[in-house]
Protein backbone atom coordinates (compact mmCIF):
# COMPACT_ATOMS: atom_id res chain seq x y z
CA MET A 1 149.33 79.77 74.50
CA CYS A 2 152.16 79.18 77.02
CA GLN A 3 149.91 77.49 79.58
CA MET A 4 148.34 75.36 76.85
CA SER A 5 151.78 74.14 75.76
CA LYS A 6 152.61 73.18 79.35
CA LEU A 7 149.37 71.29 80.01
CA LEU A 8 149.21 69.33 76.75
CA PRO A 9 152.33 67.18 77.44
CA ILE A 10 150.81 66.12 80.78
CA PHE A 11 147.75 64.74 78.97
CA LEU A 12 149.89 62.88 76.45
CA LEU A 13 152.22 61.49 79.15
CA VAL A 14 149.32 60.03 81.14
CA PHE A 15 147.76 58.66 77.95
CA PHE A 16 150.81 56.79 76.69
CA SER A 17 151.99 55.58 80.11
CA THR A 18 148.63 54.00 80.96
CA SER A 19 148.41 52.53 77.45
CA LEU A 20 151.72 50.73 77.94
CA LEU A 21 150.78 49.58 81.44
CA PHE A 22 147.62 47.78 80.26
CA SER A 23 148.84 46.36 76.96
CA GLN A 24 146.46 43.39 77.12
CA ALA A 25 143.29 45.35 77.92
CA LYS A 26 139.97 44.38 76.31
CA TYR A 27 137.39 46.50 74.53
CA SER A 28 134.88 47.82 77.01
CA ASN A 29 132.19 50.49 77.47
CA GLU A 30 131.78 51.09 73.74
CA PHE A 31 128.36 52.62 74.45
CA LEU A 32 130.17 55.67 75.79
CA THR A 33 131.66 56.41 72.35
CA ILE A 34 128.26 57.04 70.72
CA GLY A 35 127.97 60.63 71.88
CA VAL A 36 125.20 62.85 73.26
CA GLY A 37 123.14 65.70 71.80
CA ALA A 38 121.60 65.86 68.34
CA ARG A 39 123.81 68.82 67.42
CA ALA A 40 126.97 66.81 67.99
CA GLN A 41 125.54 63.76 66.21
CA ALA A 42 124.69 65.86 63.16
CA MET A 43 128.26 67.21 63.11
CA SER A 44 129.65 63.65 63.30
CA ASN A 45 130.78 64.18 66.90
CA ALA A 46 133.28 66.87 65.86
CA VAL A 47 132.54 69.21 68.78
CA VAL A 48 135.35 68.76 71.33
CA ALA A 49 136.84 72.19 70.53
CA ASN A 50 133.60 74.19 70.12
CA VAL A 51 131.19 72.64 72.64
CA ASN A 52 129.81 75.33 74.96
CA ASP A 53 126.66 73.90 76.54
CA VAL A 54 125.59 71.25 79.07
CA THR A 55 126.78 68.40 76.80
CA ALA A 56 130.34 69.56 77.51
CA GLY A 57 130.15 67.38 80.62
CA TYR A 58 130.45 64.47 78.18
CA TRP A 59 132.37 65.97 75.22
CA ASN A 60 134.86 68.24 76.99
CA PRO A 61 134.21 69.46 80.57
CA ALA A 62 136.34 72.54 79.88
CA GLY A 63 133.48 73.84 77.73
CA LEU A 64 131.09 74.03 80.68
CA VAL A 65 132.57 77.41 81.61
CA GLU A 66 131.14 78.93 78.41
CA ILE A 67 127.50 78.34 79.40
CA GLU A 68 125.84 81.75 79.60
CA ALA A 69 122.57 80.75 81.30
CA PRO A 70 122.37 80.52 85.12
CA PHE A 71 121.00 76.99 84.71
CA GLN A 72 120.79 74.72 81.68
CA VAL A 73 119.04 71.39 81.04
CA MET A 74 119.11 69.05 78.04
CA ALA A 75 117.32 65.79 77.24
CA MET A 76 117.95 63.52 74.25
CA HIS A 77 116.27 60.41 72.86
CA SER A 78 117.29 58.24 69.94
CA GLU A 79 116.57 54.76 68.65
CA LEU A 80 119.61 52.97 67.30
CA PHE A 81 119.90 50.06 64.89
CA ALA A 82 116.50 50.80 63.35
CA GLY A 83 114.78 50.99 66.74
CA ILE A 84 116.24 47.89 68.40
CA ALA A 85 118.12 49.87 71.06
CA LYS A 86 116.98 52.96 72.98
CA TYR A 87 119.61 55.58 73.76
CA ASP A 88 118.77 58.41 76.19
CA TYR A 89 120.62 61.29 77.82
CA LEU A 90 119.80 63.86 80.50
CA GLY A 91 122.17 66.64 81.54
CA ILE A 92 122.10 69.68 83.81
CA ALA A 93 124.72 72.38 84.39
CA LYS A 94 125.03 75.44 86.63
CA PRO A 95 127.71 78.13 86.98
CA LEU A 96 129.00 78.47 90.54
CA ASN A 97 129.44 82.26 90.60
CA LYS A 98 128.29 85.40 88.85
CA GLU A 99 131.52 85.72 86.88
CA LYS A 100 130.92 82.18 85.54
CA LYS A 101 134.57 81.28 86.10
CA SER A 102 133.60 77.74 87.10
CA THR A 103 130.65 75.47 86.33
CA ILE A 104 129.42 72.08 87.50
CA GLY A 105 127.39 69.55 85.54
CA VAL A 106 125.65 66.21 85.94
CA SER A 107 124.95 63.85 83.03
CA LEU A 108 123.11 60.54 82.86
CA ILE A 109 123.25 58.15 79.88
CA ARG A 110 121.30 54.95 79.27
CA LEU A 111 121.60 52.53 76.36
CA GLY A 112 119.19 49.63 76.61
CA ILE A 113 117.63 46.77 74.70
CA ASP A 114 114.35 45.87 76.39
CA ASN A 115 111.85 43.02 76.15
CA ILE A 116 114.45 40.37 75.31
CA PRO A 117 112.82 36.89 75.45
CA ASN A 118 114.30 34.57 78.09
CA THR A 119 113.80 31.04 76.73
CA LEU A 120 115.97 29.18 79.25
CA ASN A 121 112.89 27.53 80.77
CA LEU A 122 111.06 26.96 77.48
CA VAL A 123 111.85 23.24 77.45
CA GLY A 124 110.97 21.32 80.61
CA ALA A 125 112.92 18.46 82.19
CA ASP A 126 110.64 15.96 80.42
CA GLY A 127 111.26 17.59 77.01
CA SER A 128 107.88 19.31 76.84
CA ILE A 129 107.63 22.88 75.52
CA ASN A 130 105.73 25.46 77.56
CA TYR A 131 105.59 28.94 76.05
CA ASP A 132 104.21 30.32 79.31
CA ASN A 133 107.69 29.88 80.76
CA ILE A 134 109.11 32.55 78.45
CA THR A 135 109.89 35.73 80.35
CA GLU A 136 111.52 38.99 79.33
CA PHE A 137 114.58 40.90 80.51
CA SER A 138 116.58 43.99 79.61
CA ALA A 139 120.26 44.52 78.84
CA ALA A 140 121.13 48.10 79.78
CA ASP A 141 124.21 50.25 80.24
CA TYR A 142 124.19 53.34 82.46
CA ALA A 143 126.75 56.08 83.02
CA LEU A 144 126.66 58.97 85.51
CA PHE A 145 129.04 61.90 84.91
CA LEU A 146 129.89 64.45 87.61
CA SER A 147 131.71 67.27 85.82
CA TYR A 148 133.54 70.49 86.67
CA GLY A 149 134.95 73.18 84.38
CA ARG A 150 137.07 76.21 85.27
CA GLU A 151 138.59 79.16 83.43
CA LEU A 152 142.33 79.46 84.13
CA ARG A 153 142.65 82.71 82.22
CA GLU A 154 140.90 84.37 79.33
CA GLY A 155 140.70 81.90 76.47
CA LEU A 156 142.02 78.90 78.41
CA ASN A 157 139.69 76.47 80.24
CA VAL A 158 140.20 73.12 81.92
CA GLY A 159 137.70 70.57 83.16
CA GLY A 160 137.20 67.02 84.31
CA SER A 161 134.53 64.39 84.84
CA VAL A 162 134.25 61.52 87.27
CA LYS A 163 132.02 58.79 85.86
CA VAL A 164 130.31 55.83 87.47
CA ILE A 165 129.23 53.02 85.15
CA ARG A 166 126.55 50.39 85.74
CA ARG A 167 125.93 47.57 83.27
CA VAL A 168 123.10 45.07 83.77
CA ILE A 169 122.08 41.93 81.85
CA GLY A 170 118.73 40.96 83.36
CA THR A 171 119.26 38.97 86.55
CA PHE A 172 122.18 37.05 85.04
CA GLY A 173 125.02 39.50 85.55
CA SER A 174 126.03 43.06 86.28
CA ALA A 175 129.08 45.28 86.53
CA TRP A 176 130.24 48.45 88.26
CA GLY A 177 132.86 50.71 86.73
CA PHE A 178 134.69 53.93 87.56
CA GLY A 179 136.66 56.32 85.35
CA ILE A 180 138.01 59.85 84.90
CA ASP A 181 137.97 62.19 81.88
CA LEU A 182 140.03 65.39 81.52
CA GLY A 183 139.68 68.20 79.00
CA LEU A 184 141.30 71.43 77.77
CA LYS A 185 140.05 74.27 75.56
CA TYR A 186 142.00 77.18 74.16
CA LYS A 187 140.66 80.08 72.08
CA VAL A 188 142.65 82.52 69.95
CA LYS A 189 140.91 84.86 67.50
CA ASN A 190 138.62 82.77 65.24
CA TRP A 191 140.18 79.48 66.32
CA LYS A 192 139.35 77.07 69.12
CA PHE A 193 141.49 74.08 70.08
CA GLY A 194 140.48 71.19 72.28
CA VAL A 195 142.13 68.20 73.93
CA MET A 196 140.02 65.50 75.55
CA GLY A 197 141.36 62.53 77.49
CA ARG A 198 138.70 59.84 77.99
CA ASP A 199 139.33 57.17 80.62
CA ILE A 200 142.63 58.91 81.17
CA THR A 201 143.76 56.48 83.90
CA SER A 202 141.89 53.54 82.31
CA THR A 203 138.39 52.58 83.44
CA PHE A 204 137.73 49.26 85.18
CA ASN A 205 134.45 47.35 85.05
CA ALA A 206 134.09 44.58 87.64
CA TRP A 207 131.62 41.94 86.37
CA SER A 208 129.78 39.43 88.56
CA PHE A 209 127.45 36.64 87.39
CA ASN A 210 124.92 34.63 89.40
CA SER A 211 123.59 31.89 87.14
CA THR A 212 121.61 29.12 88.84
CA GLU A 213 122.54 25.46 88.50
CA GLN A 214 119.58 24.99 86.16
CA GLN A 215 120.73 27.85 83.94
CA ARG A 216 124.28 26.50 83.88
CA ALA A 217 122.97 23.12 82.78
CA VAL A 218 121.06 24.75 79.91
CA PHE A 219 124.18 26.68 78.88
CA ILE A 220 126.19 23.46 78.75
CA GLN A 221 123.51 21.60 76.79
CA THR A 222 123.25 24.39 74.21
CA GLY A 223 127.02 24.79 73.83
CA ASN A 224 127.24 28.23 75.47
CA ASP A 225 130.04 29.41 77.73
CA ILE A 226 129.45 29.77 81.46
CA LEU A 227 130.47 33.30 82.35
CA GLU A 228 132.65 33.90 85.39
CA SER A 229 133.37 37.06 87.35
CA SER A 230 135.97 39.17 85.58
CA VAL A 231 137.34 42.69 85.10
CA GLU A 232 137.14 44.64 81.83
CA ILE A 233 139.46 47.56 81.16
CA THR A 234 138.64 50.57 78.98
CA ARG A 235 141.87 51.97 77.62
CA PRO A 236 142.57 55.73 77.37
CA ARG A 237 141.48 57.66 74.29
CA ILE A 238 142.87 61.07 73.35
CA ILE A 239 140.94 63.43 71.06
CA LEU A 240 142.72 66.38 69.45
CA SER A 241 140.47 68.95 67.77
CA ALA A 242 140.49 72.33 66.06
CA ALA A 243 137.54 74.54 65.13
CA TRP A 244 137.30 77.70 63.04
CA SER A 245 134.35 80.11 63.06
CA LYS A 246 133.50 83.17 61.00
CA THR A 247 130.68 85.69 60.88
CA LEU A 248 129.42 86.07 57.32
CA GLY A 249 127.77 89.43 56.88
CA GLU A 250 125.18 90.36 59.51
CA LYS A 251 123.03 87.24 59.41
CA PHE A 252 125.16 84.12 58.95
CA ASN A 253 127.74 82.30 61.05
CA LEU A 254 129.96 79.45 59.85
CA LEU A 255 131.68 76.87 62.08
CA ILE A 256 133.97 74.08 60.89
CA GLU A 257 135.69 71.52 63.13
CA GLY A 258 137.94 68.51 62.66
CA ASP A 259 138.69 65.93 65.38
CA PHE A 260 141.21 63.10 65.57
CA ASP A 261 140.64 60.18 67.99
CA PHE A 262 143.79 58.34 69.10
CA THR A 263 143.35 54.83 70.57
CA THR A 264 145.78 52.10 71.66
CA ASP A 265 143.48 49.19 72.60
CA GLY A 266 144.32 47.02 69.61
CA GLN A 267 143.93 47.39 65.88
CA ARG A 268 140.65 49.00 64.82
CA ASN A 269 139.05 49.35 61.41
CA VAL A 270 139.65 53.11 61.12
CA LEU A 271 141.29 55.34 58.53
CA ILE A 272 144.79 55.09 60.07
CA SER A 273 145.06 51.63 61.58
CA SER A 274 147.89 49.75 63.30
CA LYS A 275 148.42 47.35 66.20
CA SER A 276 149.91 50.09 68.38
CA ILE A 277 148.08 53.36 67.61
CA ASN A 278 144.90 54.05 65.63
CA ILE A 279 143.70 57.44 64.40
CA ASP A 280 140.02 57.95 63.62
CA PRO A 281 139.26 61.37 62.03
CA HIS A 282 135.83 62.98 61.81
CA ALA A 283 134.69 66.44 60.76
CA GLY A 284 131.57 68.58 60.89
CA PHE A 285 130.18 72.01 60.06
CA GLU A 286 127.39 74.31 61.22
CA VAL A 287 125.81 77.26 59.41
CA GLY A 288 123.65 79.53 61.55
CA TYR A 289 121.15 82.16 60.41
CA LYS A 290 120.41 84.99 62.86
CA ASN A 291 121.18 82.61 65.73
CA PHE A 292 117.74 81.16 65.03
CA ILE A 293 118.06 78.25 62.61
CA PHE A 294 121.09 76.02 62.09
CA LEU A 295 122.09 73.63 59.32
CA ARG A 296 124.65 70.95 60.22
CA GLY A 297 126.49 68.08 58.61
CA GLY A 298 129.56 65.92 58.94
CA VAL A 299 131.42 62.73 58.05
CA MET A 300 132.79 60.00 60.31
CA ASN A 301 133.34 56.27 60.66
CA PHE A 302 135.90 55.78 57.88
CA GLN A 303 136.27 52.02 57.39
CA GLN A 304 137.67 49.54 54.88
CA ILE A 305 134.89 47.10 53.94
CA LYS A 306 135.37 43.87 51.97
CA PHE A 307 133.36 43.50 48.77
CA ASN A 308 132.53 39.86 49.53
CA ALA A 309 133.46 37.18 52.04
CA GLY A 310 136.73 35.58 51.02
CA ASP A 311 137.59 38.53 48.77
CA ASP A 312 140.63 40.55 49.87
CA ARG A 313 139.50 43.62 47.90
CA THR A 314 138.09 46.45 50.01
CA TYR A 315 136.44 49.82 49.54
CA LEU A 316 136.38 52.88 51.80
CA SER A 317 133.08 53.36 53.63
CA VAL A 318 132.16 56.75 55.12
CA GLN A 319 129.22 57.64 57.35
CA PRO A 320 127.62 61.02 56.52
CA ASN A 321 125.31 62.77 59.00
CA PHE A 322 122.91 65.68 58.72
CA GLY A 323 120.88 67.80 61.13
CA LEU A 324 118.90 70.93 61.89
CA GLY A 325 118.50 73.15 64.93
CA ILE A 326 115.95 75.81 65.83
CA LYS A 327 116.18 78.22 68.75
CA PHE A 328 113.00 79.75 70.22
CA GLY A 329 114.10 82.12 72.96
CA ASN A 330 115.40 79.93 75.79
CA LEU A 331 114.45 76.65 74.08
CA THR A 332 116.60 74.92 71.46
CA ILE A 333 115.34 71.94 69.46
CA ASP A 334 117.92 69.85 67.60
CA TYR A 335 117.50 66.95 65.20
CA ALA A 336 120.05 64.63 63.58
CA TYR A 337 119.71 61.97 60.91
CA THR A 338 122.79 59.79 60.97
CA ASN A 339 124.20 57.69 58.15
CA ILE A 340 122.32 59.37 55.29
CA GLY A 341 121.26 56.82 52.71
CA ASN A 342 122.79 53.94 54.68
CA VAL A 343 126.12 54.57 52.98
CA SER A 344 128.13 52.86 55.73
CA GLU A 345 127.56 49.50 57.39
CA VAL A 346 126.04 51.29 60.41
CA LEU A 347 122.23 51.53 60.35
CA TYR A 348 120.60 54.96 60.29
CA SER A 349 119.21 56.64 63.42
CA ASN A 350 116.89 59.57 64.16
CA ILE A 351 118.03 61.66 67.13
CA PHE A 352 116.16 64.44 68.93
CA SER A 353 117.30 66.67 71.78
CA LEU A 354 115.80 69.60 73.69
CA LYS A 355 117.84 72.22 75.53
CA LEU A 356 116.37 74.77 77.93
CA ASP A 357 118.11 77.81 79.43
CA PHE A 358 116.65 78.99 82.73
CA LYS A 359 117.04 82.70 83.24
CA SER A 360 117.54 84.30 86.62
CA LYS A 361 115.35 87.18 87.83
CA GLU A 362 118.26 89.58 87.33
CA SER A 363 118.69 88.58 83.66
CA ILE A 364 114.96 88.93 83.00
CA GLU A 365 114.82 92.37 84.53
């Protein structure tokens, strides 16, 4: 616990110093807050302390060390906002030595809206309408994570990820970004504690736009802004988490986790909200039977919603999630149904992920 107490203040110091340095930063890269893996989605993203598979490259790189397989792969697909957006993830991880004291991982995320009609050339210079001039484009966000996790001593792991971000809006504009995430995990008896620093030094996205003179003229005529090259900044986010697990009899396992997201990029509509610091809690559970089938659930996205426009009265909205997992040997299939019953303002989503453990010849023999 001594090493944990020494490392935690370093995370918090970097977090608050960079938050003060970029006090006027804008919201950016919100697609990277959605999360990866159907298991995590079903548990309302409360996995920072207990994650122990390839998705740790995203959730907490310190958890990569706990992968038991010599090589692990996961793929995920989901359709958000009732199918409007496609969200996909692919991750691989491999321990670097037989003792599994260190592990590397690579993760790729894409969030895209495809087949968007481009009507800029719909109306000709003479005022005529030609539907053949309508083309299509995609607006997509990509993120590549290169992750590393290492065990410092028994029960204490550290890890980090370097991420490269690419955002594209058809042929109109694009951006490149770069950021760093750092994570810690500590285990004592039935408890696991996690600390995750996302964009710990702030992440910068450099945007460039290349609109033609014709497109600019259309923007002006239709009252739209002409976008100029700019830089977006993603402010640091610290996640503190604690998980408790217990074996119930000989067949059942219970896991409960609670996470608290701390942000400083302006006032957000979260449970604890202020102009300086916001705290967004979320919690999840998992019940396993013979390490074969898993039942999961969680709550997240606490928000104050107005009853009607112009009415100052509000009510507390909560997003519940639910999911199942089945493990067949080396293959794990996970499913999550988010926002059960459309309780919150966020639309429901169906999420599927597949995880495969590759066994070495030595482990098979």
